Each structure stands twice: as structure tokens, then as C-alpha cells.
Amino acid sequence: MKSPQEYKDQMNLLLVELVQVATELRDMSLKVITDEELAPLQKHQESLLAALEKVDQKIHANYPNQV
């Protein structure tokens, strides 16, 4: 089992990447682009959100009194 700090570190890394993807999506949405150009970033964003949800679930399961 990971320590709470390890979970926090993992979430921080995922959040940094999620912000980067969101920034790219925002910047791209200001331009005229196709769905084909947006799809890879949107898929990556969904993947990052799923990873964050998994970490969050593990934290709640392993440390219910510390959340």
C-alpha cells in the first residue's frame, strides 16, 4: 500500500498533465480545427481523469479517516 504522500504526489503529477492538456484544448478551440485534431487530446484528458478518479478511490479506501 502506498503512503498518503505517494498518492498525493501521483495526483499532483496527473493534475499538472491534466492542466497542460486542458490548456492545449482551450488554445486549439480558439483556432479553426477539425474534430480529428481534438480527438487525441480529448482522449488523453479522459484517460487522465480516469487515473485521478482511481487514485482518489484508493485514497478514500485506504485512508478513510484522513480525507
Protein backbone atom coordinates (compact mmCIF):
# COMPACT_ATOMS: atom_id res chain seq x y z
CA MET A 1 0.00 0.00 0.00
CA LYS A 2 1.25 3.43 -0.89
CA SER A 3 1.60 6.15 1.71
CA PRO A 4 -0.75 9.14 1.62
CA GLN A 5 2.14 11.27 0.36
CA GLU A 6 2.78 8.91 -2.54
CA TYR A 7 -0.89 9.19 -3.53
CA LYS A 8 -0.71 12.97 -3.27
CA ASP A 9 2.42 13.05 -5.42
CA GLN A 10 0.75 10.83 -8.02
CA MET A 11 -2.33 13.06 -8.06
CA ASN A 12 -0.18 16.18 -8.39
CA LEU A 13 1.60 14.76 -11.43
CA LEU A 14 -1.71 13.81 -13.02
CA LEU A 15 -3.16 17.25 -12.29
CA VAL A 16 -0.18 19.00 -13.87
CA GLU A 17 -0.62 16.92 -17.00
CA LEU A 18 -4.39 17.48 -16.98
CA VAL A 19 -3.90 21.24 -16.81
CA GLN A 20 -1.48 21.06 -19.74
CA VAL A 21 -3.99 19.10 -21.81
CA ALA A 22 -6.82 21.47 -20.86
CA THR A 23 -4.66 24.44 -21.85
CA GLU A 24 -3.89 22.85 -25.21
CA LEU A 25 -7.57 22.10 -25.78
CA ARG A 26 -8.51 25.68 -24.93
CA ASP A 27 -5.84 27.08 -27.24
CA MET A 28 -6.85 24.75 -30.04
CA SER A 29 -10.53 25.59 -29.62
CA LEU A 30 -9.71 29.22 -30.36
CA LYS A 31 -8.46 28.18 -33.79
CA VAL A 32 -10.37 26.64 -36.64
CA ILE A 33 -9.64 22.94 -36.26
CA THR A 34 -11.21 19.61 -37.04
CA ASP A 35 -12.57 17.01 -34.66
CA GLU A 36 -9.73 14.77 -35.78
CA GLU A 37 -7.24 17.20 -34.29
CA LEU A 38 -9.13 17.49 -31.00
CA ALA A 39 -9.88 13.79 -30.52
CA PRO A 40 -6.40 12.70 -29.32
CA LEU A 41 -6.27 15.45 -26.68
CA GLN A 42 -9.81 14.73 -25.54
CA LYS A 43 -8.99 11.04 -25.24
CA HIS A 44 -5.87 11.87 -23.23
CA GLN A 45 -7.92 14.15 -20.98
CA GLU A 46 -10.43 11.36 -20.34
CA SER A 47 -7.59 8.97 -19.51
CA LEU A 48 -6.07 11.42 -17.03
CA LEU A 49 -9.42 12.00 -15.35
CA ALA A 50 -9.94 8.24 -15.02
CA ALA A 51 -6.48 7.89 -13.46
CA LEU A 52 -7.24 10.69 -11.00
CA GLU A 53 -10.51 9.03 -10.04
CA LYS A 54 -8.70 5.73 -9.39
CA VAL A 55 -6.15 7.40 -7.14
CA ASP A 56 -8.93 9.24 -5.32
CA GLN A 57 -10.80 5.98 -4.75
CA LYS A 58 -7.65 4.32 -3.39
CA ILE A 59 -7.07 7.20 -1.00
CA HIS A 60 -10.63 7.02 0.29
CA ALA A 61 -10.44 3.23 0.62
CA ASN A 62 -7.04 3.13 2.33
CA TYR A 63 -7.27 6.29 4.44
CA PRO A 64 -10.97 6.91 5.14
CA ASN A 65 -10.34 8.90 8.31
CA GLN A 66 -7.77 11.22 6.74
CA VAL A 67 -9.85 12.55 3.87
